Amino acid sequence: MNSVVLLVAGLIILVLGYLFYGRWLAKTWGVDPKRETPAHTKQDGMDYVPAKAPVLFGHHFSSIAGAGPINGPIQAAVFGWVPVVLWVLIGGIFIGAAHDFGALVASLRHGGASIGEVIASTIGKRAKRLFIIFSWLALILVIAAFGSIVANTFCATFVDGVVDTAASSANVTTATVSILFILISILFGYFVYRRNVNIVLGSVLGIIGIILCLAIGMKFHFIYLSYTTWMIVVGIYILIASVTPVWILLQPRDYLSSFLLYALMILAVVGIVGAHPALDVPAFTGFKDTISVEEFHGSAGLGYLFPALFVTIACGAISGFHSLISSGTTSKQLDNEKHALPIAYGGMLIECALAIISLCAIGYVWNDVKAGDIGFVPTTVFAGGIAKMLSTIPGLENSYQTAYSLLVLAVSVFCLTSLDTAARLARYMFQEFWLDNGETYKDVTGFRHYAANPLVATFISVFLGIALGLTGYAKIWALFGASNQLLAALALLTIATWLGKIGKNNKMLYIPMVFMLIVTISSLVMSIFTNCSALMTAFDIWALIRAVLAILLVVLAIILAIESFNTIKNQNSKK
């Protein structure tokens, strides 16, 4: 299969999915441009702030993208390119994009509240509390993981306590550019939202600022900090960022960072079209991953295609984390309901396009990965594959190193974006656990008043996430893929019950929610057996913790599924 043919065909299918299925969902669910959004009805200058559509799209897209649509498809390519493409296109159009769009619409109808509050209004308070506990713990794990990733891409290399400047060059460049990028974002937010600078002019100046940040960061290296120090600095940053008004940092930084992602995708498309290579990845390798075990240098392998394919690709087709963003930050900033479809449904489909681009990247360097010339690290594979394609184009023969560095830098920026958003979402979840819909911490007394305070909720969430990142999050990270997809299944259940409650058609979500439940429960049951088998051989405290957590997640899924299905059944019986 030629990569250009695959990319063009994939893009056409995604566009058709938006035009027909996406628009049909908007009409069926009653999206109304004349209805006031929570950003207007509850505007508070901090969390509820109307955002210009391009700015909010930038925030939403940057937050949901991260490294997910790059990592997942590249790892899942061990099953062959056909299963990956089929799941990205079918899953993205009919499940993932509908999931993101449905979560946003449901949140808008509940005053910008999270999926947890939607559950409370349709299923019950107990279900809400269970969901919020699960979501908050998942976000703590995200803070730990992404905090660690950011610190690892920023930290300097020390040899016997002395900085190795040569080995630290790439990381220090990334750190310098990222810090300068934050300063540029604050300036953008101030001038656009407080000085009413035209968005087009602001965008042009912002892009020029990004270019200057890149130039300065690549030329001057002056921030040499250790991993631990960077973890603390990152923790302080997200602690502050999570309680500042969204217009001063969250909106402008994510909007400007989206230009890096657009640039990344443009570079990738130019490389794919210019090199137009055939995919060296086999069409289908079998129902069990044996390639990564036997050929990819000690990788543990993904196991069987079902459920591994659907858990591994994650953000490239559907991700539960997206429902938290749609109902957590995006719904509080949406200026008009007509923007919901392009931002939520369209944003997910663009992520699907990035997943196909990632598949083309590993398809080009597949043999290099097998030979060990390129390590089987998704970011390295993606950047190496695209940069290698670009260097085959006449006039760009010497572009490899520059393109590679820019691509890695862009991915790192999105990890920081996802980290900031995850911290703010964790604060929302912690607060909502103690409050009823419509309440703020000022409306309650006693312990709930203090627990729901934004500063307290943020500090607890960030402290636990960074502490976990400094200790042993990697030991339980293996469960995150399944828990993330479980979150998606629960969000689909919630959207379906809410649609049923208001008398809207929800049957299009029946198959997706049942399928995602089967996928996640199957994956978790396999994890339970794997860790229990390891415990039978030798006692390992982390294997025990993983087994217990997996069991708790299965119980949680079953409880919420039963309550959701009973709610839907009762709704149907009343029709």
Protein backbone atom coordinates (compact mmCIF):
# COMPACT_ATOMS: atom_id res chain seq x y z
CA MET A 1 0.00 0.00 0.00
CA ASN A 2 1.35 3.41 -0.99
CA SER A 3 1.34 5.84 1.94
CA VAL A 4 -0.10 8.72 -0.15
CA VAL A 5 -3.04 6.58 -1.27
CA LEU A 6 -3.66 5.53 2.33
CA LEU A 7 -3.48 9.11 3.62
CA VAL A 8 -5.73 10.60 0.92
CA ALA A 9 -8.30 7.80 1.23
CA GLY A 10 -8.30 8.16 5.01
CA LEU A 11 -8.80 11.94 4.83
CA ILE A 12 -11.69 11.60 2.37
CA ILE A 13 -13.44 9.07 4.62
CA LEU A 14 -12.96 11.30 7.68
CA VAL A 15 -14.36 14.35 5.86
CA LEU A 16 -17.38 12.33 4.71
CA GLY A 17 -17.88 11.12 8.27
CA TYR A 18 -17.97 14.72 9.51
CA LEU A 19 -20.30 15.94 6.78
CA PHE A 20 -22.82 13.14 7.10
CA TYR A 21 -22.61 11.40 10.47
CA GLY A 22 -21.39 14.37 12.49
CA ARG A 23 -24.03 16.72 11.13
CA TRP A 24 -26.72 14.08 11.62
CA LEU A 25 -25.73 13.73 15.28
CA ALA A 26 -25.89 17.52 15.75
CA LYS A 27 -29.39 17.61 14.26
CA THR A 28 -30.56 14.52 16.17
CA TRP A 29 -29.26 15.78 19.51
CA GLY A 30 -30.75 19.24 19.07
CA VAL A 31 -27.69 21.48 18.88
CA ASP A 32 -29.09 25.02 18.84
CA PRO A 33 -26.95 28.09 17.92
CA LYS A 34 -29.58 30.34 19.57
CA ARG A 35 -29.23 28.73 23.00
CA GLU A 36 -26.98 30.58 25.45
CA THR A 37 -23.96 28.56 26.54
CA PRO A 38 -22.67 28.26 30.14
CA ALA A 39 -19.70 30.46 29.16
CA HIS A 40 -22.21 33.32 29.00
CA THR A 41 -24.82 32.33 31.61
CA LYS A 42 -22.19 31.54 34.27
CA GLN A 43 -19.33 33.78 33.17
CA ASP A 44 -16.96 34.31 36.10
CA GLY A 45 -13.75 35.53 34.46
CA MET A 46 -11.82 32.46 35.63
CA ASP A 47 -13.23 29.13 34.40
CA TYR A 48 -16.36 30.23 32.55
CA VAL A 49 -15.06 32.55 29.85
CA PRO A 50 -16.38 32.73 26.24
CA ALA A 51 -13.55 31.97 23.84
CA LYS A 52 -13.21 32.81 20.18
CA ALA A 53 -13.85 29.64 18.17
CA PRO A 54 -10.29 29.31 16.74
CA VAL A 55 -8.81 29.83 20.21
CA LEU A 56 -11.06 27.25 21.83
CA PHE A 57 -10.40 24.78 19.02
CA GLY A 58 -6.69 25.25 19.66
CA HIS A 59 -7.17 24.56 23.38
CA HIS A 60 -9.38 21.53 22.80
CA PHE A 61 -7.24 20.00 20.05
CA SER A 62 -3.96 20.57 21.91
CA SER A 63 -5.40 19.07 25.08
CA ILE A 64 -6.84 15.91 23.51
CA ALA A 65 -3.90 15.30 21.17
CA GLY A 66 -0.80 15.14 23.33
CA ALA A 67 1.36 12.21 22.23
CA GLY A 68 -1.55 9.73 22.16
CA PRO A 69 -2.36 9.64 18.42
CA ILE A 70 1.36 9.21 17.74
CA ASN A 71 2.21 6.57 20.33
CA GLY A 72 -0.85 4.34 19.95
CA PRO A 73 -0.90 3.65 16.19
CA ILE A 74 2.88 3.17 16.08
CA GLN A 75 2.77 0.59 18.88
CA ALA A 76 -0.29 -1.14 17.42
CA ALA A 77 1.38 -1.40 13.99
CA VAL A 78 2.80 -4.75 15.17
CA PHE A 79 -0.62 -6.19 14.23
CA GLY A 80 -0.38 -4.78 10.68
CA TRP A 81 -1.58 -1.59 9.04
CA VAL A 82 -5.05 -2.88 8.06
CA PRO A 83 -6.37 -3.42 11.63
CA VAL A 84 -4.97 -0.04 12.68
CA VAL A 85 -6.56 1.87 9.80
CA LEU A 86 -9.92 0.12 10.16
CA TRP A 87 -10.15 0.91 13.87
CA VAL A 88 -8.94 4.50 13.46
CA LEU A 89 -11.54 5.24 10.77
CA ILE A 90 -14.51 3.23 12.03
CA GLY A 91 -13.79 3.83 15.70
CA GLY A 92 -12.99 7.50 15.16
CA ILE A 93 -16.08 8.40 13.14
CA PHE A 94 -18.73 6.31 14.89
CA ILE A 95 -17.38 6.02 18.43
CA GLY A 96 -14.57 8.42 19.34
CA ALA A 97 -15.88 11.59 17.70
CA ALA A 98 -19.45 10.83 18.82
CA HIS A 99 -18.11 10.28 22.36
CA ASP A 100 -16.29 13.65 22.44
CA PHE A 101 -19.21 15.52 20.84
CA GLY A 102 -21.79 13.86 23.09
CA ALA A 103 -19.81 14.65 26.24
CA LEU A 104 -19.62 18.31 25.23
CA VAL A 105 -23.34 18.60 24.40
CA ALA A 106 -24.37 16.82 27.61
CA SER A 107 -22.14 19.13 29.65
CA LEU A 108 -23.57 22.23 27.95
CA ARG A 109 -27.06 21.10 28.97
CA HIS A 110 -25.86 20.76 32.58
CA GLY A 111 -24.37 24.23 32.93
CA GLY A 112 -20.85 23.25 31.92
CA ALA A 113 -20.62 20.56 34.62
CA SER A 114 -18.56 17.42 34.13
CA ILE A 115 -19.74 13.97 33.09
CA GLY A 116 -19.95 13.20 36.82
CA GLU A 117 -22.81 15.68 37.24
CA VAL A 118 -24.54 14.30 34.15
CA ILE A 119 -24.39 10.88 35.80
CA ALA A 120 -25.89 12.33 38.99
CA SER A 121 -28.86 13.76 37.12
CA THR A 122 -29.56 10.64 35.05
CA ILE A 123 -28.39 7.66 37.13
CA GLY A 124 -27.85 8.85 40.71
CA LYS A 125 -25.47 10.43 43.22
CA ARG A 126 -23.77 7.15 44.15
CA ALA A 127 -22.87 6.56 40.52
CA LYS A 128 -21.59 10.13 40.30
CA ARG A 129 -19.30 9.69 43.30
CA LEU A 130 -17.92 6.39 41.99
CA PHE A 131 -17.25 7.94 38.58
CA ILE A 132 -15.58 11.03 40.03
CA ILE A 133 -13.31 8.97 42.30
CA PHE A 134 -12.25 6.85 39.34
CA SER A 135 -11.75 9.86 37.04
CA TRP A 136 -9.81 11.83 39.65
CA LEU A 137 -7.45 8.91 40.34
CA ALA A 138 -6.91 8.49 36.59
CA LEU A 139 -6.05 12.19 36.33
CA ILE A 140 -3.57 11.88 39.20
CA LEU A 141 -1.87 9.15 37.19
CA VAL A 142 -1.87 11.39 34.10
CA ILE A 143 -0.25 14.20 36.11
CA ALA A 144 2.38 11.76 37.35
CA ALA A 145 3.12 10.34 33.90
CA PHE A 146 3.08 13.55 31.90
CA GLY A 147 4.97 15.38 34.63
CA SER A 148 7.65 12.71 34.42
CA ILE A 149 7.71 12.89 30.60
CA VAL A 150 8.10 16.68 30.66
CA ALA A 151 10.82 16.54 33.34
CA ASN A 152 12.69 13.90 31.34
CA THR A 153 12.58 16.04 28.20
CA PHE A 154 13.75 19.14 30.14
CA CYS A 155 16.39 17.78 32.52
CA ALA A 156 20.13 18.13 32.04
CA THR A 157 22.56 15.20 32.09
CA PHE A 158 24.93 15.16 35.06
CA VAL A 159 28.15 13.13 35.24
CA ASP A 160 29.65 12.93 38.73
CA GLY A 161 27.64 15.98 39.72
CA VAL A 162 28.86 18.04 36.76
CA VAL A 163 26.63 19.05 33.83
CA ASP A 164 27.42 17.37 30.52
CA THR A 165 26.52 20.30 28.25
CA ALA A 166 26.80 18.34 25.03
CA ALA A 167 24.50 15.54 26.19
CA SER A 168 22.08 18.08 27.69
CA SER A 169 21.76 20.27 24.60
CA ALA A 170 18.51 18.86 23.19
CA ASN A 171 16.71 18.80 26.56
CA VAL A 172 17.83 22.27 27.57
CA THR A 173 16.66 23.61 24.20
CA THR A 174 13.24 22.08 24.77
CA ALA A 175 13.05 23.53 28.29
CA THR A 176 14.11 27.01 27.17
CA VAL A 177 11.64 27.09 24.27
CA SER A 178 8.81 25.85 26.50
CA ILE A 179 9.39 28.55 29.14
CA LEU A 180 9.62 31.30 26.53
CA PHE A 181 6.48 29.88 24.94
CA ILE A 182 4.56 30.34 28.21
CA LEU A 183 5.64 34.00 28.38
CA ILE A 184 4.53 34.60 24.77
CA SER A 185 1.18 32.97 25.57
CA ILE A 186 0.55 35.27 28.54
CA LEU A 187 1.26 38.31 26.35
CA PHE A 188 -1.08 36.97 23.67
CA GLY A 189 -3.87 36.44 26.19
CA TYR A 190 -3.44 39.90 27.68
CA PHE A 191 -3.50 41.78 24.38
CA VAL A 192 -6.28 39.74 22.73
CA TYR A 193 -8.63 39.55 25.73
CA ARG A 194 -7.83 42.77 27.60
CA ARG A 195 -6.64 45.10 24.86
CA ASN A 196 -8.97 43.71 22.16
CA VAL A 197 -6.21 43.14 19.64
CA ASN A 198 -7.62 41.57 16.46
CA ILE A 199 -7.33 37.76 16.60
CA VAL A 200 -5.73 37.58 13.14
CA LEU A 201 -3.09 40.17 14.03
CA GLY A 202 -2.57 38.50 17.39
CA SER A 203 -2.13 35.12 15.70
CA VAL A 204 0.44 36.48 13.25
CA LEU A 205 2.40 38.10 16.07
CA GLY A 206 2.04 34.92 18.13
CA ILE A 207 3.47 32.78 15.32
CA ILE A 208 6.38 35.22 14.96
CA GLY A 209 6.86 34.89 18.73
CA ILE A 210 6.93 31.08 18.44
CA ILE A 211 9.61 31.31 15.76
CA LEU A 212 11.66 33.64 17.97
CA CYS A 213 11.27 31.23 20.89
CA LEU A 214 12.60 28.40 18.72
CA ALA A 215 15.51 30.50 17.49
CA ILE A 216 16.49 31.66 20.99
CA GLY A 217 16.06 28.20 22.51
CA MET A 218 18.27 26.56 19.90
CA LYS A 219 20.94 29.24 20.23
CA PHE A 220 21.15 29.88 23.97
CA HIS A 221 21.28 27.15 26.64
CA PHE A 222 21.16 28.35 30.20
CA ILE A 223 18.66 26.22 32.17
CA TYR A 224 20.48 23.14 33.51
CA LEU A 225 18.32 21.45 36.14
CA SER A 226 18.02 17.87 37.35
CA TYR A 227 14.99 15.62 36.85
CA THR A 228 13.83 16.02 40.47
CA THR A 229 14.17 19.80 40.33
CA TRP A 230 12.19 19.94 37.10
CA MET A 231 9.43 17.78 38.63
CA ILE A 232 9.12 20.30 41.46
CA VAL A 233 9.19 23.27 39.05
CA VAL A 234 6.57 21.65 36.83
CA GLY A 235 4.43 20.97 39.91
CA ILE A 236 4.61 24.63 40.96
CA TYR A 237 3.79 25.73 37.42
CA ILE A 238 0.65 23.59 37.05
CA LEU A 239 -0.38 24.51 40.60
CA ILE A 240 -0.43 28.16 39.55
CA ALA A 241 -1.72 27.56 36.02
CA SER A 242 -4.68 25.51 37.25
CA VAL A 243 -6.14 28.35 39.32
CA THR A 244 -5.41 31.29 37.02
CA PRO A 245 -8.14 32.64 34.71
CA VAL A 246 -8.31 30.59 31.51
CA TRP A 247 -7.96 33.69 29.30
CA ILE A 248 -4.48 34.58 30.55
CA LEU A 249 -2.73 31.23 30.05
CA LEU A 250 -4.84 28.15 29.21
CA GLN A 251 -6.65 29.56 26.17
CA PRO A 252 -3.74 31.46 24.58
CA ARG A 253 -1.06 28.84 25.27
CA ASP A 254 -3.13 25.99 23.88
CA TYR A 255 -4.19 28.10 20.90
CA LEU A 256 -0.61 29.03 20.02
CA SER A 257 0.64 25.50 20.66
CA SER A 258 -1.94 24.23 18.18
CA PHE A 259 0.05 26.02 15.46
CA LEU A 260 2.98 23.76 16.32
CA LEU A 261 0.72 20.77 15.81
CA TYR A 262 -0.56 22.16 12.51
CA ALA A 263 3.06 22.71 11.45
CA LEU A 264 3.90 19.16 12.53
CA MET A 265 1.05 17.77 10.42
CA ILE A 266 1.94 19.95 7.42
CA LEU A 267 5.56 18.81 7.58
CA ALA A 268 4.37 15.22 7.78
CA VAL A 269 2.03 15.56 4.80
CA VAL A 270 4.78 17.24 2.74
CA GLY A 271 7.12 14.39 3.65
CA ILE A 272 4.59 11.67 2.83
CA VAL A 273 3.58 13.24 -0.50
CA GLY A 274 7.16 14.11 -1.42
CA ALA A 275 8.58 10.66 -0.63
CA HIS A 276 5.32 8.76 -1.48
CA PRO A 277 6.77 5.52 -0.11
CA ALA A 278 5.13 2.13 0.12
CA LEU A 279 4.27 0.96 3.63
CA ASP A 280 6.79 -1.64 4.75
CA VAL A 281 4.48 -2.62 7.61
CA PRO A 282 2.72 -5.90 6.73
CA ALA A 283 -1.02 -5.63 6.06
CA PHE A 284 -1.78 -8.13 8.83
CA THR A 285 0.62 -10.03 11.07
CA GLY A 286 -1.82 -12.24 12.98
CA PHE A 287 -4.06 -12.19 16.02
CA LYS A 288 -1.15 -12.24 18.46
CA ASP A 289 1.75 -9.82 18.68
CA THR A 290 4.87 -11.89 18.20
CA ILE A 291 6.86 -9.32 16.21
CA SER A 292 7.65 -7.03 19.13
CA VAL A 293 8.82 -9.96 21.27
CA GLU A 294 10.99 -11.60 18.67
CA GLU A 295 12.30 -8.66 16.70
CA PHE A 296 11.81 -5.36 18.48
CA HIS A 297 14.64 -5.76 20.96
CA GLY A 298 13.13 -7.06 24.13
CA SER A 299 9.75 -5.32 23.99
CA ALA A 300 7.24 -7.19 26.14
CA GLY A 301 4.68 -7.31 23.33
CA LEU A 302 1.03 -6.30 23.32
CA GLY A 303 -0.53 -9.75 23.46
CA TYR A 304 -3.65 -10.59 21.46
CA LEU A 305 -5.20 -8.26 18.91
CA PHE A 306 -8.39 -8.26 20.95
CA PRO A 307 -8.43 -6.31 23.19
CA ALA A 308 -4.89 -4.91 22.81
CA LEU A 309 -5.50 -3.08 19.51
CA PHE A 310 -8.46 -1.10 20.90
CA VAL A 311 -6.71 -0.24 24.16
CA THR A 312 -3.35 0.63 22.62
CA ILE A 313 -4.50 2.97 19.82
CA ALA A 314 -6.59 4.93 22.35
CA CYS A 315 -6.49 8.64 21.38
CA GLY A 316 -6.19 7.75 17.70
CA ALA A 317 -9.76 6.38 17.75
CA ILE A 318 -11.37 6.97 21.17
CA SER A 319 -10.12 8.08 24.57
CA GLY A 320 -12.02 8.55 27.80
CA PHE A 321 -9.71 11.43 28.71
CA HIS A 322 -11.41 13.42 25.93
CA SER A 323 -14.78 13.28 27.69
CA LEU A 324 -13.21 14.98 30.71
CA ILE A 325 -11.81 17.75 28.50
CA SER A 326 -15.06 18.22 26.55
CA SER A 327 -17.10 18.41 29.75
CA GLY A 328 -14.39 19.94 31.92
CA THR A 329 -12.80 22.91 30.18
CA THR A 330 -14.20 23.15 26.64
CA SER A 331 -17.88 23.34 27.70
CA LYS A 332 -17.08 26.24 30.03
CA GLN A 333 -15.56 28.28 27.20
CA LEU A 334 -17.83 27.54 24.23
CA ASP A 335 -19.15 30.81 22.84
CA ASN A 336 -21.89 29.33 20.63
CA GLU A 337 -23.37 25.85 20.30
CA LYS A 338 -22.74 25.89 16.54
CA HIS A 339 -19.03 25.60 17.38
CA ALA A 340 -19.54 22.33 19.27
CA LEU A 341 -19.54 20.12 16.15
CA PRO A 342 -16.30 21.40 14.55
CA ILE A 343 -14.47 21.64 17.88
CA ALA A 344 -15.43 18.30 19.47
CA TYR A 345 -16.39 16.05 16.55
CA GLY A 346 -14.03 17.70 14.05
CA GLY A 347 -11.16 17.87 16.53
CA MET A 348 -11.33 14.11 17.10
CA LEU A 349 -11.32 13.41 13.36
CA ILE A 350 -8.20 15.54 12.91
CA GLU A 351 -6.63 13.42 15.62
CA CYS A 352 -7.58 10.35 13.57
CA ALA A 353 -5.78 11.94 10.62
CA LEU A 354 -2.69 12.34 12.81
CA ALA A 355 -2.96 8.66 13.74
CA ILE A 356 -2.86 7.71 10.04
CA ILE A 357 0.14 9.99 9.54
CA SER A 358 1.85 8.21 12.43
CA LEU A 359 1.18 4.87 10.75
CA CYS A 360 2.77 6.18 7.54
CA ALA A 361 5.81 7.26 9.58
CA ILE A 362 6.48 3.81 11.05
CA GLY A 363 5.62 2.28 7.69
CA TYR A 364 8.55 4.13 6.17
CA VAL A 365 11.12 3.13 8.80
CA TRP A 366 9.68 -0.29 9.68
CA ASN A 367 12.75 -2.16 8.47
CA ASP A 368 15.08 0.29 10.25
CA VAL A 369 13.20 -0.36 13.50
CA LYS A 370 13.45 -4.13 13.01
CA ALA A 371 17.16 -3.79 12.29
CA GLY A 372 17.69 -1.74 15.44
CA ASP A 373 18.80 1.40 13.58
CA ILE A 374 15.85 3.27 15.13
CA GLY A 375 14.71 2.42 18.64
CA PHE A 376 11.09 1.30 19.08
CA VAL A 377 10.16 4.52 20.92
CA PRO A 378 7.05 6.04 19.29
CA THR A 379 8.24 9.67 19.39
CA THR A 380 11.60 8.67 17.92
CA VAL A 381 9.94 6.54 15.26
CA PHE A 382 7.52 9.31 14.30
CA ALA A 383 10.10 12.09 14.17
CA GLY A 384 12.68 9.85 12.47
CA GLY A 385 10.24 8.57 9.87
CA ILE A 386 8.86 11.97 8.87
CA ALA A 387 12.30 13.65 8.92
CA LYS A 388 13.70 10.86 6.77
CA MET A 389 10.88 11.32 4.22
CA LEU A 390 11.49 15.07 4.09
CA SER A 391 15.20 14.55 3.46
CA THR A 392 14.41 12.58 0.27
CA ILE A 393 12.70 15.59 -1.32
CA PRO A 394 14.92 17.60 -3.72
CA GLY A 395 16.15 20.73 -1.99
CA LEU A 396 15.55 19.30 1.50
CA GLU A 397 18.34 16.73 1.52
CA ASN A 398 20.02 18.32 4.58
CA SER A 399 16.85 18.92 6.56
CA TYR A 400 16.82 15.70 8.60
CA GLN A 401 18.28 16.96 11.88
CA THR A 402 16.34 20.22 11.90
CA ALA A 403 13.05 18.51 11.06
CA TYR A 404 13.68 15.78 13.62
CA SER A 405 14.38 18.31 16.40
CA LEU A 406 11.30 20.39 15.56
CA LEU A 407 9.04 17.33 15.52
CA VAL A 408 10.30 16.09 18.90
CA LEU A 409 9.94 19.58 20.34
CA ALA A 410 6.33 19.84 19.11
CA VAL A 411 5.43 16.54 20.78
CA SER A 412 7.03 17.71 24.04
CA VAL A 413 4.99 20.92 24.00
CA PHE A 414 1.78 18.89 23.82
CA CYS A 415 2.77 16.79 26.80
CA LEU A 416 3.01 20.02 28.84
CA THR A 417 -0.36 21.15 27.45
CA SER A 418 -2.05 17.88 28.46
CA LEU A 419 -0.40 18.09 31.87
CA ASP A 420 -1.78 21.56 32.56
CA THR A 421 -5.26 20.57 31.41
CA ALA A 422 -5.19 17.37 33.49
CA ALA A 423 -4.33 19.35 36.62
CA ARG A 424 -7.25 21.75 36.07
CA LEU A 425 -9.60 18.83 35.40
CA ALA A 426 -8.43 17.08 38.58
CA ARG A 427 -9.30 20.25 40.48
CA TYR A 428 -12.78 20.31 38.94
CA MET A 429 -13.34 16.64 39.80
CA PHE A 430 -12.18 17.02 43.39
CA GLN A 431 -14.47 20.01 43.89
CA GLU A 432 -17.49 18.33 42.28
CA PHE A 433 -17.15 15.33 44.59
CA TRP A 434 -18.07 17.54 47.55
CA LEU A 435 -20.66 19.72 45.83
CA ASP A 436 -24.04 19.33 44.19
CA ASN A 437 -24.63 20.72 40.71
CA GLY A 438 -24.77 24.52 40.79
CA GLU A 439 -23.04 24.82 44.16
CA THR A 440 -19.68 26.44 44.81
CA TYR A 441 -17.50 26.09 47.88
CA LYS A 442 -18.91 29.41 49.07
CA ASP A 443 -22.38 27.88 49.27
CA VAL A 444 -21.45 25.12 51.73
CA THR A 445 -20.02 25.03 55.23
CA GLY A 446 -17.79 22.86 57.36
CA PHE A 447 -15.38 20.35 55.86
CA ARG A 448 -16.98 20.57 52.41
CA HIS A 449 -16.28 24.31 52.29
CA TYR A 450 -12.54 23.72 52.70
CA ALA A 451 -12.30 20.55 50.63
CA ALA A 452 -14.03 22.21 47.65
CA ASN A 453 -11.87 25.34 47.81
CA PRO A 454 -10.08 25.68 44.44
CA LEU A 455 -6.65 26.17 46.04
CA VAL A 456 -7.06 23.16 48.34
CA ALA A 457 -8.42 20.94 45.56
CA THR A 458 -5.58 21.95 43.25
CA PHE A 459 -2.83 21.52 45.85
CA ILE A 460 -3.98 18.02 46.83
CA SER A 461 -4.30 16.90 43.21
CA VAL A 462 -0.97 18.32 42.08
CA PHE A 463 0.95 17.22 45.18
CA LEU A 464 -0.22 13.63 44.85
CA GLY A 465 0.44 13.56 41.10
CA ILE A 466 3.98 14.95 41.35
CA ALA A 467 4.76 12.74 44.36
CA LEU A 468 3.63 9.69 42.41
CA GLY A 469 5.71 10.84 39.45
CA LEU A 470 8.79 10.95 41.69
CA THR A 471 8.18 7.42 42.99
CA GLY A 472 6.45 4.54 41.31
CA TYR A 473 3.77 5.57 38.80
CA ALA A 474 5.44 3.43 36.12
CA LYS A 475 4.59 0.34 38.14
CA ILE A 476 0.85 0.88 37.63
CA TRP A 477 0.94 2.76 34.31
CA ALA A 478 0.18 -0.51 32.50
CA LEU A 479 -3.38 -0.23 33.81
CA PHE A 480 -3.89 3.26 32.44
CA GLY A 481 -4.73 2.17 28.89
CA ALA A 482 -7.57 -0.04 30.05
CA SER A 483 -8.78 2.48 32.65
CA ASN A 484 -8.76 5.24 30.03
CA GLN A 485 -10.92 3.16 27.70
CA LEU A 486 -13.15 2.20 30.64
CA LEU A 487 -13.65 5.91 31.20
CA ALA A 488 -14.75 6.18 27.56
CA ALA A 489 -17.21 3.31 27.98
CA LEU A 490 -18.68 4.93 31.09
CA ALA A 491 -18.95 8.29 29.31
CA LEU A 492 -20.82 6.62 26.43
CA LEU A 493 -23.16 4.99 28.94
CA THR A 494 -23.76 8.37 30.55
CA ILE A 495 -24.44 10.18 27.27
CA ALA A 496 -26.87 7.42 26.23
CA THR A 497 -28.82 7.60 29.50
CA TRP A 498 -28.95 11.40 29.33
CA LEU A 499 -30.23 11.35 25.75
CA GLY A 500 -32.86 8.81 26.78
CA LYS A 501 -33.93 10.99 29.68
CA ILE A 502 -34.57 14.03 27.47
CA GLY A 503 -36.32 11.94 24.81
CA LYS A 504 -33.59 12.06 22.16
CA ASN A 505 -32.46 9.17 19.98
CA ASN A 506 -29.64 7.33 21.78
CA LYS A 507 -29.61 4.02 19.90
CA MET A 508 -26.52 4.99 17.89
CA LEU A 509 -24.53 4.68 21.15
CA TYR A 510 -25.73 1.19 22.17
CA ILE A 511 -23.16 -0.79 20.17
CA PRO A 512 -20.23 1.58 20.95
CA MET A 513 -20.84 1.54 24.72
CA VAL A 514 -21.30 -2.26 24.88
CA PHE A 515 -18.23 -2.82 22.70
CA MET A 516 -16.02 -0.53 24.78
CA LEU A 517 -17.20 -2.20 27.99
CA ILE A 518 -16.32 -5.62 26.60
CA VAL A 519 -12.91 -4.36 25.45
CA THR A 520 -11.96 -2.79 28.78
CA ILE A 521 -13.30 -5.55 31.02
CA SER A 522 -11.50 -8.14 28.86
CA SER A 523 -8.25 -6.20 29.11
CA LEU A 524 -8.58 -5.80 32.87
CA VAL A 525 -9.41 -9.50 33.38
CA MET A 526 -6.29 -10.42 31.40
CA SER A 527 -4.28 -8.07 33.60
CA ILE A 528 -5.71 -9.73 36.72
CA PHE A 529 -4.69 -13.19 35.49
CA THR A 530 -1.22 -11.96 34.45
CA ASN A 531 -0.49 -10.35 37.81
CA CYS A 532 -1.98 -13.22 39.82
CA SER A 533 0.19 -15.65 37.85
CA ALA A 534 3.24 -13.52 38.66
CA LEU A 535 2.29 -13.60 42.36
CA MET A 536 2.11 -17.40 42.24
CA THR A 537 5.74 -17.46 41.11
CA ALA A 538 7.16 -14.88 43.51
CA PHE A 539 5.66 -12.19 45.72
CA ASP A 540 5.76 -8.73 44.15
CA ILE A 541 3.99 -5.88 45.93
CA TRP A 542 3.40 -4.01 42.66
CA ALA A 543 1.87 -7.09 41.00
CA LEU A 544 -0.47 -7.32 43.98
CA ILE A 545 -1.37 -3.62 43.72
CA ARG A 546 -2.02 -3.95 39.97
CA ALA A 547 -4.21 -6.99 40.50
CA VAL A 548 -6.24 -5.29 43.24
CA LEU A 549 -6.68 -2.11 41.18
CA ALA A 550 -7.76 -4.11 38.13
CA ILE A 551 -10.33 -5.99 40.22
CA LEU A 552 -11.69 -2.72 41.63
CA LEU A 553 -11.97 -1.26 38.12
CA VAL A 554 -13.90 -4.31 36.90
CA VAL A 555 -16.28 -4.04 39.88
CA LEU A 556 -16.72 -0.32 39.21
CA ALA A 557 -17.47 -0.98 35.54
CA ILE A 558 -20.03 -3.66 36.33
CA ILE A 559 -21.82 -1.53 38.97
CA LEU A 560 -22.10 1.52 36.74
CA ALA A 561 -23.00 -0.58 33.70
CA ILE A 562 -25.84 -2.31 35.56
CA GLU A 563 -27.20 1.00 36.84
CA SER A 564 -26.93 2.58 33.39
CA PHE A 565 -28.59 -0.32 31.59
CA ASN A 566 -31.40 -0.37 34.16
CA THR A 567 -31.92 3.36 33.64
CA ILE A 568 -32.05 2.93 29.85
CA LYS A 569 -34.40 -0.04 30.23
CA ASN A 570 -36.77 1.99 32.41
CA GLN A 571 -36.64 4.87 29.95
CA ASN A 572 -37.54 2.59 27.05
CA SER A 573 -40.38 0.94 29.00
CA LYS A 574 -42.02 4.35 29.52
CA LYS A 575 -42.09 5.17 25.84
